[in-house]
Each structure stands twice: as C-alpha cells, then as structure tokens.
Amino acid sequence: LWEDERLLPQVLAENGYTNGLFGKWHLGDNYPFRPEDRGFHEV
C-alpha cells in the first residue's frame, strides 16, 4: 500500500483510539509499510 495513503488506524489513533492488529495484514512486510508503521500500536 502506497506510503502516502491515510489509513483507518491512523485516523482512529489521531482521535484517541488504541489500535491492535492480530493475524493477517498483507499490505507490506517491510518498513514503512508494516502495520506498526501505519497506526497500529500492538501487532
């Protein structure tokens, strides 16, 4: 997924949510495309 896209977990984090992902991501396995780079606090 393009680095310059705004993602749902980023929007939620900016609005006070703590975000966790458990299981499959499938949108990039390297920096800066991993879920922990894109708004998830626990992965």
ModelCIF file with pLDDT and N, C-alpha, C, O atoms, coordinates in Angstrom:
data_MODEL
#
_entry.id   MODEL 
#
_entity.id                         1 
_entity.type                       polymer 
_entity.pdbx_number_of_molecules   1 
#
_entity_poly.entity_id                      1 
_entity_poly.type                           'polypeptide(L)' 
_entity_poly.nstd_linkage                   no 
_entity_poly.nstd_monomer                   no 
_entity_poly.pdbx_seq_one_letter_code       LWEDERLLPQVLAENGYTNGLFGKWHLGDNYPFRPEDRGFHEV 
_entity_poly.pdbx_seq_one_letter_code_can   LWEDERLLPQVLAENGYTNGLFGKWHLGDNYPFRPEDRGFHEV 
_entity_poly.pdbx_strand_id                 A 
#
loop_
_entity_poly_seq.entity_id 
_entity_poly_seq.num 
_entity_poly_seq.mon_id 
_entity_poly_seq.hetero 
1 1  LEU n 
1 2  TRP n 
1 3  GLU n 
1 4  ASP n 
1 5  GLU n 
1 6  ARG n 
1 7  LEU n 
1 8  LEU n 
1 9  PRO n 
1 10 GLN n 
1 11 VAL n 
1 12 LEU n 
1 13 ALA n 
1 14 GLU n 
1 15 ASN n 
1 16 GLY n 
1 17 TYR n 
1 18 THR n 
1 19 ASN n 
1 20 GLY n 
1 21 LEU n 
1 22 PHE n 
1 23 GLY n 
1 24 LYS n 
1 25 TRP n 
1 26 HIS n 
1 27 LEU n 
1 28 GLY n 
1 29 ASP n 
1 30 ASN n 
1 31 TYR n 
1 32 PRO n 
1 33 PHE n 
1 34 ARG n 
1 35 PRO n 
1 36 GLU n 
1 37 ASP n 
1 38 ARG n 
1 39 GLY n 
1 40 PHE n 
1 41 HIS n 
1 42 GLU n 
1 43 VAL n 
#
_struct_asym.id          A 
_struct_asym.entity_id   1 
#
loop_
_ma_qa_metric.id 
_ma_qa_metric.mode 
_ma_qa_metric.name 
_ma_qa_metric.software_group_id 
_ma_qa_metric.type 
1 global pLDDT . pLDDT 
2 local  pLDDT . pLDDT 
#
_ma_qa_metric_global.metric_id      1 
_ma_qa_metric_global.metric_value   97.95 
_ma_qa_metric_global.model_id       1 
_ma_qa_metric_global.ordinal_id     1 
#
loop_
_ma_qa_metric_local.label_asym_id 
_ma_qa_metric_local.label_comp_id 
_ma_qa_metric_local.label_seq_id 
_ma_qa_metric_local.metric_id 
_ma_qa_metric_local.metric_value 
_ma_qa_metric_local.model_id 
_ma_qa_metric_local.ordinal_id 
A LEU 1  2 98.00 1 1  
A TRP 2  2 98.00 1 2  
A GLU 3  2 97.00 1 3  
A ASP 4  2 97.00 1 4  
A GLU 5  2 98.00 1 5  
A ARG 6  2 97.00 1 6  
A LEU 7  2 98.00 1 7  
A LEU 8  2 98.00 1 8  
A PRO 9  2 98.00 1 9  
A GLN 10 2 98.00 1 10 
A VAL 11 2 98.00 1 11 
A LEU 12 2 98.00 1 12 
A ALA 13 2 98.00 1 13 
A GLU 14 2 98.00 1 14 
A ASN 15 2 98.00 1 15 
A GLY 16 2 97.00 1 16 
A TYR 17 2 98.00 1 17 
A THR 18 2 98.00 1 18 
A ASN 19 2 98.00 1 19 
A GLY 20 2 98.00 1 20 
A LEU 21 2 99.00 1 21 
A PHE 22 2 99.00 1 22 
A GLY 23 2 98.00 1 23 
A LYS 24 2 98.00 1 24 
A TRP 25 2 98.00 1 25 
A HIS 26 2 98.00 1 26 
A LEU 27 2 98.00 1 27 
A GLY 28 2 98.00 1 28 
A ASP 29 2 98.00 1 29 
A ASN 30 2 98.00 1 30 
A TYR 31 2 98.00 1 31 
A PRO 32 2 98.00 1 32 
A PHE 33 2 98.00 1 33 
A ARG 34 2 98.00 1 34 
A PRO 35 2 98.00 1 35 
A GLU 36 2 98.00 1 36 
A ASP 37 2 98.00 1 37 
A ARG 38 2 98.00 1 38 
A GLY 39 2 98.00 1 39 
A PHE 40 2 98.00 1 40 
A HIS 41 2 98.00 1 41 
A GLU 42 2 98.00 1 42 
A VAL 43 2 98.00 1 43 
#
loop_
_atom_site.group_PDB 
_atom_site.id 
_atom_site.type_symbol 
_atom_site.label_atom_id 
_atom_site.label_alt_id 
_atom_site.label_comp_id 
_atom_site.label_asym_id 
_atom_site.label_entity_id 
_atom_site.label_seq_id 
_atom_site.pdbx_PDB_ins_code 
_atom_site.Cartn_x 
_atom_site.Cartn_y 
_atom_site.Cartn_z 
_atom_site.occupancy 
_atom_site.B_iso_or_equiv 
_atom_site.pdbx_formal_charge 
_atom_site.auth_seq_id 
_atom_site.auth_comp_id 
_atom_site.auth_asym_id 
_atom_site.auth_atom_id 
_atom_site.pdbx_PDB_model_num 
ATOM 1   N N  . LEU A 1 1  ? 0.835   -1.206  0.000  1.00 98.00 ? 1  LEU A N  1 
ATOM 2   C CA . LEU A 1 1  ? 0.000   0.000   0.000  1.00 98.00 ? 1  LEU A CA 1 
ATOM 3   C C  . LEU A 1 1  ? 0.871   1.258   0.000  1.00 98.00 ? 1  LEU A C  1 
ATOM 4   O O  . LEU A 1 1  ? 1.789   1.395   0.809  1.00 98.00 ? 1  LEU A O  1 
ATOM 5   N N  . TRP A 1 2  ? 0.562   2.178   -0.930 1.00 98.00 ? 2  TRP A N  1 
ATOM 6   C CA . TRP A 1 2  ? 1.349   3.416   -1.027 1.00 98.00 ? 2  TRP A CA 1 
ATOM 7   C C  . TRP A 1 2  ? 1.610   4.037   0.352  1.00 98.00 ? 2  TRP A C  1 
ATOM 8   O O  . TRP A 1 2  ? 0.733   4.046   1.216  1.00 98.00 ? 2  TRP A O  1 
ATOM 9   N N  . GLU A 1 3  ? 2.799   4.541   0.535  1.00 97.00 ? 3  GLU A N  1 
ATOM 10  C CA . GLU A 1 3  ? 3.187   5.145   1.807  1.00 97.00 ? 3  GLU A CA 1 
ATOM 11  C C  . GLU A 1 3  ? 2.387   6.406   2.111  1.00 97.00 ? 3  GLU A C  1 
ATOM 12  O O  . GLU A 1 3  ? 2.184   6.734   3.280  1.00 97.00 ? 3  GLU A O  1 
ATOM 13  N N  . ASP A 1 4  ? 1.931   7.118   1.087  1.00 97.00 ? 4  ASP A N  1 
ATOM 14  C CA . ASP A 1 4  ? 1.271   8.407   1.318  1.00 97.00 ? 4  ASP A CA 1 
ATOM 15  C C  . ASP A 1 4  ? -0.249  8.297   1.443  1.00 97.00 ? 4  ASP A C  1 
ATOM 16  O O  . ASP A 1 4  ? -0.941  9.314   1.416  1.00 97.00 ? 4  ASP A O  1 
ATOM 17  N N  . GLU A 1 5  ? -0.776  7.082   1.579  1.00 98.00 ? 5  GLU A N  1 
ATOM 18  C CA . GLU A 1 5  ? -2.204  6.932   1.851  1.00 98.00 ? 5  GLU A CA 1 
ATOM 19  C C  . GLU A 1 5  ? -2.474  7.123   3.345  1.00 98.00 ? 5  GLU A C  1 
ATOM 20  O O  . GLU A 1 5  ? -1.653  6.758   4.186  1.00 98.00 ? 5  GLU A O  1 
ATOM 21  N N  . ARG A 1 6  ? -3.633  7.698   3.660  1.00 97.00 ? 6  ARG A N  1 
ATOM 22  C CA . ARG A 1 6  ? -4.083  7.813   5.055  1.00 97.00 ? 6  ARG A CA 1 
ATOM 23  C C  . ARG A 1 6  ? -4.959  6.611   5.367  1.00 97.00 ? 6  ARG A C  1 
ATOM 24  O O  . ARG A 1 6  ? -5.891  6.302   4.625  1.00 97.00 ? 6  ARG A O  1 
ATOM 25  N N  . LEU A 1 7  ? -4.655  5.936   6.472  1.00 98.00 ? 7  LEU A N  1 
ATOM 26  C CA . LEU A 1 7  ? -5.323  4.685   6.794  1.00 98.00 ? 7  LEU A CA 1 
ATOM 27  C C  . LEU A 1 7  ? -6.256  4.832   7.983  1.00 98.00 ? 7  LEU A C  1 
ATOM 28  O O  . LEU A 1 7  ? -6.080  5.714   8.824  1.00 98.00 ? 7  LEU A O  1 
ATOM 29  N N  . LEU A 1 8  ? -7.254  3.954   8.042  1.00 98.00 ? 8  LEU A N  1 
ATOM 30  C CA . LEU A 1 8  ? -8.221  3.943   9.132  1.00 98.00 ? 8  LEU A CA 1 
ATOM 31  C C  . LEU A 1 8  ? -7.558  3.931   10.507 1.00 98.00 ? 8  LEU A C  1 
ATOM 32  O O  . LEU A 1 8  ? -7.950  4.740   11.348 1.00 98.00 ? 8  LEU A O  1 
ATOM 33  N N  . PRO A 1 9  ? -6.576  3.065   10.796 1.00 98.00 ? 9  PRO A N  1 
ATOM 34  C CA . PRO A 1 9  ? -5.976  3.091   12.142 1.00 98.00 ? 9  PRO A CA 1 
ATOM 35  C C  . PRO A 1 9  ? -5.269  4.408   12.458 1.00 98.00 ? 9  PRO A C  1 
ATOM 36  O O  . PRO A 1 9  ? -5.222  4.818   13.618 1.00 98.00 ? 9  PRO A O  1 
ATOM 37  N N  . GLN A 1 10 ? -4.723  5.072   11.446 1.00 98.00 ? 10 GLN A N  1 
ATOM 38  C CA . GLN A 1 10 ? -4.105  6.375   11.690 1.00 98.00 ? 10 GLN A CA 1 
ATOM 39  C C  . GLN A 1 10 ? -5.160  7.409   12.080 1.00 98.00 ? 10 GLN A C  1 
ATOM 40  O O  . GLN A 1 10 ? -4.953  8.218   12.985 1.00 98.00 ? 10 GLN A O  1 
ATOM 41  N N  . VAL A 1 11 ? -6.284  7.366   11.386 1.00 98.00 ? 11 VAL A N  1 
ATOM 42  C CA . VAL A 1 11 ? -7.377  8.293   11.708 1.00 98.00 ? 11 VAL A CA 1 
ATOM 43  C C  . VAL A 1 11 ? -7.893  8.027   13.126 1.00 98.00 ? 11 VAL A C  1 
ATOM 44  O O  . VAL A 1 11 ? -8.120  8.960   13.897 1.00 98.00 ? 11 VAL A O  1 
ATOM 45  N N  . LEU A 1 12 ? -8.072  6.764   13.456 1.00 98.00 ? 12 LEU A N  1 
ATOM 46  C CA . LEU A 1 12 ? -8.556  6.423   14.793 1.00 98.00 ? 12 LEU A CA 1 
ATOM 47  C C  . LEU A 1 12 ? -7.547  6.820   15.864 1.00 98.00 ? 12 LEU A C  1 
ATOM 48  O O  . LEU A 1 12 ? -7.930  7.330   16.917 1.00 98.00 ? 12 LEU A O  1 
ATOM 49  N N  . ALA A 1 13 ? -6.262  6.591   15.605 1.00 98.00 ? 13 ALA A N  1 
ATOM 50  C CA . ALA A 1 13 ? -5.235  6.970   16.582 1.00 98.00 ? 13 ALA A CA 1 
ATOM 51  C C  . ALA A 1 13 ? -5.252  8.473   16.830 1.00 98.00 ? 13 ALA A C  1 
ATOM 52  O O  . ALA A 1 13 ? -5.098  8.922   17.966 1.00 98.00 ? 13 ALA A O  1 
ATOM 53  N N  . GLU A 1 14 ? -5.438  9.241   15.774 1.00 98.00 ? 14 GLU A N  1 
ATOM 54  C CA . GLU A 1 14 ? -5.497  10.702  15.917 1.00 98.00 ? 14 GLU A CA 1 
ATOM 55  C C  . GLU A 1 14 ? -6.724  11.147  16.697 1.00 98.00 ? 14 GLU A C  1 
ATOM 56  O O  . GLU A 1 14 ? -6.788  12.286  17.160 1.00 98.00 ? 14 GLU A O  1 
ATOM 57  N N  . ASN A 1 15 ? -7.703  10.251  16.844 1.00 98.00 ? 15 ASN A N  1 
ATOM 58  C CA . ASN A 1 15 ? -8.928  10.574  17.574 1.00 98.00 ? 15 ASN A CA 1 
ATOM 59  C C  . ASN A 1 15 ? -9.017  9.826   18.901 1.00 98.00 ? 15 ASN A C  1 
ATOM 60  O O  . ASN A 1 15 ? -10.108 9.646   19.443 1.00 98.00 ? 15 ASN A O  1 
ATOM 61  N N  . GLY A 1 16 ? -7.874  9.394   19.423 1.00 97.00 ? 16 GLY A N  1 
ATOM 62  C CA . GLY A 1 16 ? -7.829  8.867   20.783 1.00 97.00 ? 16 GLY A CA 1 
ATOM 63  C C  . GLY A 1 16 ? -7.971  7.371   20.923 1.00 97.00 ? 16 GLY A C  1 
ATOM 64  O O  . GLY A 1 16 ? -8.116  6.882   22.043 1.00 97.00 ? 16 GLY A O  1 
ATOM 65  N N  . TYR A 1 17 ? -7.935  6.616   19.829 1.00 98.00 ? 17 TYR A N  1 
ATOM 66  C CA . TYR A 1 17 ? -8.066  5.166   19.907 1.00 98.00 ? 17 TYR A CA 1 
ATOM 67  C C  . TYR A 1 17 ? -6.698  4.487   20.003 1.00 98.00 ? 17 TYR A C  1 
ATOM 68  O O  . TYR A 1 17 ? -5.714  4.947   19.424 1.00 98.00 ? 17 TYR A O  1 
ATOM 69  N N  . THR A 1 18 ? -6.663  3.383   20.749 1.00 98.00 ? 18 THR A N  1 
ATOM 70  C CA . THR A 1 18 ? -5.512  2.487   20.744 1.00 98.00 ? 18 THR A CA 1 
ATOM 71  C C  . THR A 1 18 ? -5.863  1.308   19.841 1.00 98.00 ? 18 THR A C  1 
ATOM 72  O O  . THR A 1 18 ? -6.930  0.708   19.974 1.00 98.00 ? 18 THR A O  1 
ATOM 73  N N  . ASN A 1 19 ? -4.953  0.982   18.920 1.00 98.00 ? 19 ASN A N  1 
ATOM 74  C CA . ASN A 1 19 ? -5.274  0.050   17.851 1.00 98.00 ? 19 ASN A CA 1 
ATOM 75  C C  . ASN A 1 19 ? -4.406  -1.203  17.905 1.00 98.00 ? 19 ASN A C  1 
ATOM 76  O O  . ASN A 1 19 ? -3.196  -1.130  18.116 1.00 98.00 ? 19 ASN A O  1 
ATOM 77  N N  . GLY A 1 20 ? -5.046  -2.351  17.709 1.00 98.00 ? 20 GLY A N  1 
ATOM 78  C CA . GLY A 1 20 ? -4.316  -3.609  17.663 1.00 98.00 ? 20 GLY A CA 1 
ATOM 79  C C  . GLY A 1 20 ? -4.694  -4.416  16.440 1.00 98.00 ? 20 GLY A C  1 
ATOM 80  O O  . GLY A 1 20 ? -5.861  -4.461  16.049 1.00 98.00 ? 20 GLY A O  1 
ATOM 81  N N  . LEU A 1 21 ? -3.699  -5.056  15.835 1.00 99.00 ? 21 LEU A N  1 
ATOM 82  C CA . LEU A 1 21 ? -3.925  -5.948  14.701 1.00 99.00 ? 21 LEU A CA 1 
ATOM 83  C C  . LEU A 1 21 ? -3.441  -7.334  15.064 1.00 99.00 ? 21 LEU A C  1 
ATOM 84  O O  . LEU A 1 21 ? -2.347  -7.500  15.604 1.00 99.00 ? 21 LEU A O  1 
ATOM 85  N N  . PHE A 1 22 ? -4.264  -8.335  14.763 1.00 99.00 ? 22 PHE A N  1 
ATOM 86  C CA . PHE A 1 22 ? -3.960  -9.705  15.145 1.00 99.00 ? 22 PHE A CA 1 
ATOM 87  C C  . PHE A 1 22 ? -4.268  -10.626 13.973 1.00 99.00 ? 22 PHE A C  1 
ATOM 88  O O  . PHE A 1 22 ? -5.432  -10.882 13.665 1.00 99.00 ? 22 PHE A O  1 
ATOM 89  N N  . GLY A 1 23 ? -3.216  -11.126 13.318 1.00 98.00 ? 23 GLY A N  1 
ATOM 90  C CA . GLY A 1 23 ? -3.401  -12.039 12.206 1.00 98.00 ? 23 GLY A CA 1 
ATOM 91  C C  . GLY A 1 23 ? -2.776  -11.540 10.929 1.00 98.00 ? 23 GLY A C  1 
ATOM 92  O O  . GLY A 1 23 ? -1.560  -11.370 10.839 1.00 98.00 ? 23 GLY A O  1 
ATOM 93  N N  . LYS A 1 24 ? -3.619  -11.306 9.941  1.00 98.00 ? 24 LYS A N  1 
ATOM 94  C CA . LYS A 1 24 ? -3.158  -11.012 8.582  1.00 98.00 ? 24 LYS A CA 1 
ATOM 95  C C  . LYS A 1 24 ? -3.184  -9.513  8.283  1.00 98.00 ? 24 LYS A C  1 
ATOM 96  O O  . LYS A 1 24 ? -4.145  -8.822  8.623  1.00 98.00 ? 24 LYS A O  1 
ATOM 97  N N  . TRP A 1 25 ? -2.138  -9.023  7.654  1.00 98.00 ? 25 TRP A N  1 
ATOM 98  C CA . TRP A 1 25 ? -2.032  -7.634  7.214  1.00 98.00 ? 25 TRP A CA 1 
ATOM 99  C C  . TRP A 1 25 ? -2.049  -7.582  5.681  1.00 98.00 ? 25 TRP A C  1 
ATOM 100 O O  . TRP A 1 25 ? -2.997  -7.065  5.089  1.00 98.00 ? 25 TRP A O  1 
ATOM 101 N N  . HIS A 1 26 ? -1.010  -8.113  5.041  1.00 98.00 ? 26 HIS A N  1 
ATOM 102 C CA . HIS A 1 26 ? -0.937  -8.314  3.598  1.00 98.00 ? 26 HIS A CA 1 
ATOM 103 C C  . HIS A 1 26 ? -0.921  -7.009  2.810  1.00 98.00 ? 26 HIS A C  1 
ATOM 104 O O  . HIS A 1 26 ? -1.439  -6.946  1.695  1.00 98.00 ? 26 HIS A O  1 
ATOM 105 N N  . LEU A 1 27 ? -0.328  -5.971  3.390  1.00 98.00 ? 27 LEU A N  1 
ATOM 106 C CA . LEU A 1 27 ? -0.201  -4.701  2.683  1.00 98.00 ? 27 LEU A CA 1 
ATOM 107 C C  . LEU A 1 27 ? 1.226   -4.178  2.755  1.00 98.00 ? 27 LEU A C  1 
ATOM 108 O O  . LEU A 1 27 ? 1.470   -2.983  2.589  1.00 98.00 ? 27 LEU A O  1 
ATOM 109 N N  . GLY A 1 28 ? 2.167   -5.087  3.007  1.00 98.00 ? 28 GLY A N  1 
ATOM 110 C CA . GLY A 1 28 ? 3.582   -4.728  3.068  1.00 98.00 ? 28 GLY A CA 1 
ATOM 111 C C  . GLY A 1 28 ? 4.230   -5.263  4.324  1.00 98.00 ? 28 GLY A C  1 
ATOM 112 O O  . GLY A 1 28 ? 3.723   -5.053  5.426  1.00 98.00 ? 28 GLY A O  1 
ATOM 113 N N  . ASP A 1 29 ? 5.361   -5.963  4.167  1.00 98.00 ? 29 ASP A N  1 
ATOM 114 C CA . ASP A 1 29 ? 6.052   -6.593  5.291  1.00 98.00 ? 29 ASP A CA 1 
ATOM 115 C C  . ASP A 1 29 ? 7.326   -5.868  5.707  1.00 98.00 ? 29 ASP A C  1 
ATOM 116 O O  . ASP A 1 29 ? 7.995   -6.279  6.654  1.00 98.00 ? 29 ASP A O  1 
ATOM 117 N N  . ASN A 1 30 ? 7.659   -4.795  5.006  1.00 98.00 ? 30 ASN A N  1 
ATOM 118 C CA . ASN A 1 30 ? 8.877   -4.043  5.320  1.00 98.00 ? 30 ASN A CA 1 
ATOM 119 C C  . ASN A 1 30 ? 8.536   -2.595  5.632  1.00 98.00 ? 30 ASN A C  1 
ATOM 120 O O  . ASN A 1 30 ? 7.483   -2.091  5.241  1.00 98.00 ? 30 ASN A O  1 
ATOM 121 N N  . TYR A 1 31 ? 9.446   -1.932  6.346  1.00 98.00 ? 31 TYR A N  1 
ATOM 122 C CA . TYR A 1 31 ? 9.307   -0.509  6.611  1.00 98.00 ? 31 TYR A CA 1 
ATOM 123 C C  . TYR A 1 31 ? 9.275   0.244   5.282  1.00 98.00 ? 31 TYR A C  1 
ATOM 124 O O  . TYR A 1 31 ? 10.066  -0.068  4.392  1.00 98.00 ? 31 TYR A O  1 
ATOM 125 N N  . PRO A 1 32 ? 8.393   1.217   5.123  1.00 98.00 ? 32 PRO A N  1 
ATOM 126 C CA . PRO A 1 32 ? 7.449   1.797   6.080  1.00 98.00 ? 32 PRO A CA 1 
ATOM 127 C C  . PRO A 1 32 ? 6.012   1.332   5.858  1.00 98.00 ? 32 PRO A C  1 
ATOM 128 O O  . PRO A 1 32 ? 5.071   2.102   6.051  1.00 98.00 ? 32 PRO A O  1 
ATOM 129 N N  . PHE A 1 33 ? 5.843   0.092   5.458  1.00 98.00 ? 33 PHE A N  1 
ATOM 130 C CA . PHE A 1 33 ? 4.527   -0.399  5.041  1.00 98.00 ? 33 PHE A CA 1 
ATOM 131 C C  . PHE A 1 33 ? 3.888   -1.354  6.037  1.00 98.00 ? 33 PHE A C  1 
ATOM 132 O O  . PHE A 1 33 ? 2.766   -1.814  5.821  1.00 98.00 ? 33 PHE A O  1 
ATOM 133 N N  . ARG A 1 34 ? 4.589   -1.659  7.130  1.00 98.00 ? 34 ARG A N  1 
ATOM 134 C CA . ARG A 1 34 ? 4.073   -2.612  8.106  1.00 98.00 ? 34 ARG A CA 1 
ATOM 135 C C  . ARG A 1 34 ? 2.949   -1.973  8.937  1.00 98.00 ? 34 ARG A C  1 
ATOM 136 O O  . ARG A 1 34 ? 2.863   -0.747  9.008  1.00 98.00 ? 34 ARG A O  1 
ATOM 137 N N  . PRO A 1 35 ? 2.106   -2.773  9.554  1.00 98.00 ? 35 PRO A N  1 
ATOM 138 C CA . PRO A 1 35 ? 1.010   -2.180  10.337 1.00 98.00 ? 35 PRO A CA 1 
ATOM 139 C C  . PRO A 1 35 ? 1.494   -1.309  11.481 1.00 98.00 ? 35 PRO A C  1 
ATOM 140 O O  . PRO A 1 35 ? 0.853   -0.311  11.811 1.00 98.00 ? 35 PRO A O  1 
ATOM 141 N N  . GLU A 1 36 ? 2.625   -1.671  12.097 1.00 98.00 ? 36 GLU A N  1 
ATOM 142 C CA . GLU A 1 36 ? 3.139   -0.847  13.198 1.00 98.00 ? 36 GLU A CA 1 
ATOM 143 C C  . GLU A 1 36 ? 3.665   0.499   12.706 1.00 98.00 ? 36 GLU A C  1 
ATOM 144 O O  . GLU A 1 36 ? 3.875   1.409   13.508 1.00 98.00 ? 36 GLU A O  1 
ATOM 145 N N  . ASP A 1 37 ? 3.882   0.637   11.394 1.00 98.00 ? 37 ASP A N  1 
ATOM 146 C CA . ASP A 1 37 ? 4.275   1.919   10.810 1.00 98.00 ? 37 ASP A CA 1 
ATOM 147 C C  . ASP A 1 37 ? 3.064   2.752   10.418 1.00 98.00 ? 37 ASP A C  1 
ATOM 148 O O  . ASP A 1 37 ? 3.207   3.905   10.010 1.00 98.00 ? 37 ASP A O  1 
ATOM 149 N N  . ARG A 1 38 ? 1.853   2.166   10.541 1.00 98.00 ? 38 ARG A N  1 
ATOM 150 C CA . ARG A 1 38 ? 0.691   2.792   9.918  1.00 98.00 ? 38 ARG A CA 1 
ATOM 151 C C  . ARG A 1 38 ? -0.508  2.910   10.859 1.00 98.00 ? 38 ARG A C  1 
ATOM 152 O O  . ARG A 1 38 ? -1.659  2.807   10.435 1.00 98.00 ? 38 ARG A O  1 
ATOM 153 N N  . GLY A 1 39 ? -0.220  3.127   12.136 1.00 98.00 ? 39 GLY A N  1 
ATOM 154 C CA . GLY A 1 39 ? -1.293  3.461   13.061 1.00 98.00 ? 39 GLY A CA 1 
ATOM 155 C C  . GLY A 1 39 ? -1.660  2.400   14.064 1.00 98.00 ? 39 GLY A C  1 
ATOM 156 O O  . GLY A 1 39 ? -2.465  2.659   14.959 1.00 98.00 ? 39 GLY A O  1 
ATOM 157 N N  . PHE A 1 40 ? -1.092  1.198   13.948 1.00 98.00 ? 40 PHE A N  1 
ATOM 158 C CA . PHE A 1 40 ? -1.383  0.149   14.926 1.00 98.00 ? 40 PHE A CA 1 
ATOM 159 C C  . PHE A 1 40 ? -0.336  0.187   16.042 1.00 98.00 ? 40 PHE A C  1 
ATOM 160 O O  . PHE A 1 40 ? 0.866   0.262   15.787 1.00 98.00 ? 40 PHE A O  1 
ATOM 161 N N  . HIS A 1 41 ? -0.822  0.135   17.278 1.00 98.00 ? 41 HIS A N  1 
ATOM 162 C CA . HIS A 1 41 ? 0.055   0.202   18.447 1.00 98.00 ? 41 HIS A CA 1 
ATOM 163 C C  . HIS A 1 41 ? 0.497   -1.171  18.925 1.00 98.00 ? 41 HIS A C  1 
ATOM 164 O O  . HIS A 1 41 ? 1.582   -1.305  19.491 1.00 98.00 ? 41 HIS A O  1 
ATOM 165 N N  . GLU A 1 42 ? -0.313  -2.179  18.711 1.00 98.00 ? 42 GLU A N  1 
ATOM 166 C CA . GLU A 1 42 ? 0.002   -3.553  19.110 1.00 98.00 ? 42 GLU A CA 1 
ATOM 167 C C  . GLU A 1 42 ? -0.259  -4.450  17.904 1.00 98.00 ? 42 GLU A C  1 
ATOM 168 O O  . GLU A 1 42 ? -1.352  -4.436  17.337 1.00 98.00 ? 42 GLU A O  1 
ATOM 169 N N  . VAL A 1 43 ? 0.750   -5.229  17.517 1.00 98.00 ? 43 VAL A N  1 
ATOM 170 C CA . VAL A 1 43 ? 0.657   -6.048  16.310 1.00 98.00 ? 43 VAL A CA 1 
ATOM 171 C C  . VAL A 1 43 ? 1.201   -7.439  16.584 1.00 98.00 ? 43 VAL A C  1 
ATOM 172 O O  . VAL A 1 43 ? 1.212   -8.285  15.690 1.00 98.00 ? 43 VAL A O  1 
#
